[in-house]
Amino acid sequence: MIKLVALYRKPSETADFDSHFDSIHTPLLRKLPGLKRLETTRVTGAPLGEAKYYRIAEAYFDDRDAMDRALASAEGKAVVKDLLSFASDLVTVFHGEPE
């Protein structure tokens, strides 16, 4: 199992961001071929002070090859294009293996 993680810093216009994230970006993510599970989180706080991130998206795939195929697909390219259109200056993306 591998997951693709996107951490989003707080945007200046949270209502616009949330509207786009919920109504456009998340449905695009759900169309990724081979996607096993998608979790999105609205960060509500941190134990010590203000949270560094505002939203989190975690997309799970069977393995690295499945994730790479999903990202190379037409649906994956649409996800990346959309991400760059609304959150390129806010997002950090990485992948890892859940333990």
C-alpha atoms as a PDB file:
ATOM      1  CA  MET A   1       0.000   0.000   0.000  1.00  0.00           C
ATOM      2  CA  ILE A   2       1.165   3.526  -0.773  1.00  0.00           C
ATOM      3  CA  LYS A   3      -0.486   6.861  -0.201  1.00  0.00           C
ATOM      4  CA  LEU A   4      -0.151  10.193  -1.928  1.00  0.00           C
ATOM      5  CA  VAL A   5      -0.423  13.013   0.606  1.00  0.00           C
ATOM      6  CA  ALA A   6      -1.193  16.680  -0.045  1.00  0.00           C
ATOM      7  CA  LEU A   7      -0.798  19.180   2.802  1.00  0.00           C
ATOM      8  CA  TYR A   8      -2.438  22.558   2.205  1.00  0.00           C
ATOM      9  CA  ARG A   9      -1.483  25.725   4.072  1.00  0.00           C
ATOM     10  CA  LYS A  10      -4.286  28.115   4.992  1.00  0.00           C
ATOM     11  CA  PRO A  11      -5.424  30.161   1.985  1.00  0.00           C
ATOM     12  CA  SER A  12      -6.270  33.839   2.260  1.00  0.00           C
ATOM     13  CA  GLU A  13      -9.850  33.113   1.119  1.00  0.00           C
ATOM     14  CA  THR A  14     -10.931  29.951   2.937  1.00  0.00           C
ATOM     15  CA  ALA A  15     -14.506  29.974   1.609  1.00  0.00           C
ATOM     16  CA  ASP A  16     -13.354  30.064  -2.023  1.00  0.00           C
ATOM     17  CA  PHE A  17     -10.719  27.405  -1.349  1.00  0.00           C
ATOM     18  CA  ASP A  18     -13.182  25.098   0.431  1.00  0.00           C
ATOM     19  CA  SER A  19     -15.762  25.488  -2.320  1.00  0.00           C
ATOM     20  CA  HIS A  20     -13.244  24.549  -5.010  1.00  0.00           C
ATOM     21  CA  PHE A  21     -11.680  21.750  -2.955  1.00  0.00           C
ATOM     22  CA  ASP A  22     -15.038  20.159  -2.107  1.00  0.00           C
ATOM     23  CA  SER A  23     -16.948  20.622  -5.355  1.00  0.00           C
ATOM     24  CA  ILE A  24     -14.199  20.339  -7.991  1.00  0.00           C
ATOM     25  CA  HIS A  25     -10.908  18.925  -6.702  1.00  0.00           C
ATOM     26  CA  THR A  26     -12.202  16.098  -4.512  1.00  0.00           C
ATOM     27  CA  PRO A  27     -14.507  14.710  -7.246  1.00  0.00           C
ATOM     28  CA  LEU A  28     -11.517  14.719  -9.631  1.00  0.00           C
ATOM     29  CA  LEU A  29      -9.449  12.801  -7.087  1.00  0.00           C
ATOM     30  CA  ARG A  30     -12.208  10.210  -6.722  1.00  0.00           C
ATOM     31  CA  LYS A  31     -11.936   9.464 -10.474  1.00  0.00           C
ATOM     32  CA  LEU A  32      -8.264   8.393 -10.263  1.00  0.00           C
ATOM     33  CA  PRO A  33      -7.937   4.863 -11.651  1.00  0.00           C
ATOM     34  CA  GLY A  34      -6.799   2.349  -9.050  1.00  0.00           C
ATOM     35  CA  LEU A  35      -7.703   4.601  -6.114  1.00  0.00           C
ATOM     36  CA  LYS A  36      -8.437   2.397  -3.093  1.00  0.00           C
ATOM     37  CA  ARG A  37      -9.364   5.052  -0.557  1.00  0.00           C
ATOM     38  CA  LEU A  38      -9.477   8.826  -0.303  1.00  0.00           C
ATOM     39  CA  GLU A  39      -9.419  10.691   2.987  1.00  0.00           C
ATOM     40  CA  THR A  40      -9.703  14.453   3.261  1.00  0.00           C
ATOM     41  CA  THR A  41      -9.281  16.293   6.537  1.00  0.00           C
ATOM     42  CA  ARG A  42     -10.154  19.815   7.591  1.00  0.00           C
ATOM     43  CA  VAL A  43      -7.531  20.634  10.226  1.00  0.00           C
ATOM     44  CA  THR A  44      -9.198  22.092  13.315  1.00  0.00           C
ATOM     45  CA  GLY A  45      -6.213  22.801  15.531  1.00  0.00           C
ATOM     46  CA  ALA A  46      -2.908  21.698  16.950  1.00  0.00           C
ATOM     47  CA  PRO A  47      -1.853  20.719  20.473  1.00  0.00           C
ATOM     48  CA  LEU A  48       0.543  23.660  20.737  1.00  0.00           C
ATOM     49  CA  GLY A  49      -0.612  26.831  19.026  1.00  0.00           C
ATOM     50  CA  GLU A  50      -1.901  27.284  15.516  1.00  0.00           C
ATOM     51  CA  ALA A  51      -1.867  24.396  13.048  1.00  0.00           C
ATOM     52  CA  LYS A  52       0.610  24.708  10.187  1.00  0.00           C
ATOM     53  CA  TYR A  53      -1.845  23.171   7.702  1.00  0.00           C
ATOM     54  CA  TYR A  54      -5.459  23.861   6.787  1.00  0.00           C
ATOM     55  CA  ARG A  55      -6.478  20.768   4.795  1.00  0.00           C
ATOM     56  CA  ILE A  56      -5.027  17.318   4.115  1.00  0.00           C
ATOM     57  CA  ALA A  57      -5.802  14.885   1.304  1.00  0.00           C
ATOM     58  CA  GLU A  58      -4.593  11.270   1.348  1.00  0.00           C
ATOM     59  CA  ALA A  59      -5.093   9.046  -1.701  1.00  0.00           C
ATOM     60  CA  TYR A  60      -4.309   5.339  -1.218  1.00  0.00           C
ATOM     61  CA  PHE A  61      -3.199   2.907  -3.939  1.00  0.00           C
ATOM     62  CA  ASP A  62      -2.116  -0.740  -3.948  1.00  0.00           C
ATOM     63  CA  ASP A  63       1.504   0.103  -4.767  1.00  0.00           C
ATOM     64  CA  ARG A  64       3.833   2.646  -6.381  1.00  0.00           C
ATOM     65  CA  ASP A  65       3.125   1.344  -9.893  1.00  0.00           C
ATOM     66  CA  ALA A  66      -0.633   1.786  -9.402  1.00  0.00           C
ATOM     67  CA  MET A  67      -0.097   5.331  -8.109  1.00  0.00           C
ATOM     68  CA  ASP A  68       2.216   6.185 -11.002  1.00  0.00           C
ATOM     69  CA  ARG A  69      -0.312   4.823 -13.521  1.00  0.00           C
ATOM     70  CA  ALA A  70      -3.082   6.866 -11.884  1.00  0.00           C
ATOM     71  CA  LEU A  71      -1.045  10.062 -12.033  1.00  0.00           C
ATOM     72  CA  ALA A  72      -0.055   9.426 -15.667  1.00  0.00           C
ATOM     73  CA  SER A  73      -3.676   8.834 -16.704  1.00  0.00           C
ATOM     74  CA  ALA A  74      -5.976  11.479 -18.176  1.00  0.00           C
ATOM     75  CA  GLU A  75      -7.713  11.674 -14.794  1.00  0.00           C
ATOM     76  CA  GLY A  76      -4.379  12.134 -13.027  1.00  0.00           C
ATOM     77  CA  LYS A  77      -3.371  14.901 -15.390  1.00  0.00           C
ATOM     78  CA  ALA A  78      -6.710  16.614 -14.710  1.00  0.00           C
ATOM     79  CA  VAL A  79      -6.057  16.417 -10.955  1.00  0.00           C
ATOM     80  CA  VAL A  80      -2.596  17.958 -11.333  1.00  0.00           C
ATOM     81  CA  LYS A  81      -3.860  20.689 -13.671  1.00  0.00           C
ATOM     82  CA  ASP A  82      -6.620  21.563 -11.233  1.00  0.00           C
ATOM     83  CA  LEU A  83      -4.264  21.512  -8.243  1.00  0.00           C
ATOM     84  CA  LEU A  84      -1.917  23.937  -9.951  1.00  0.00           C
ATOM     85  CA  SER A  85      -4.832  26.220 -10.854  1.00  0.00           C
ATOM     86  CA  PHE A  86      -6.046  26.769  -7.295  1.00  0.00           C
ATOM     87  CA  ALA A  87      -3.385  25.734  -4.786  1.00  0.00           C
ATOM     88  CA  SER A  88       0.094  25.699  -6.340  1.00  0.00           C
ATOM     89  CA  ASP A  89       1.406  28.163  -3.761  1.00  0.00           C
ATOM     90  CA  LEU A  90      -0.278  26.399  -0.827  1.00  0.00           C
ATOM     91  CA  VAL A  91       0.391  22.695  -1.283  1.00  0.00           C
ATOM     92  CA  THR A  92       3.141  20.245  -0.418  1.00  0.00           C
ATOM     93  CA  VAL A  93       2.765  16.788  -2.017  1.00  0.00           C
ATOM     94  CA  PHE A  94       4.635  13.585  -1.169  1.00  0.00           C
ATOM     95  CA  HIS A  95       4.028   9.837  -0.994  1.00  0.00           C
ATOM     96  CA  GLY A  96       4.800   7.191   1.589  1.00  0.00           C
ATOM     97  CA  GLU A  97       4.051   3.669   2.764  1.00  0.00           C
ATOM     98  CA  PRO A  98       1.648   3.339   5.684  1.00  0.00           C
ATOM     99  CA  GLU A  99       2.905   1.065   8.456  1.00  0.00           C
END
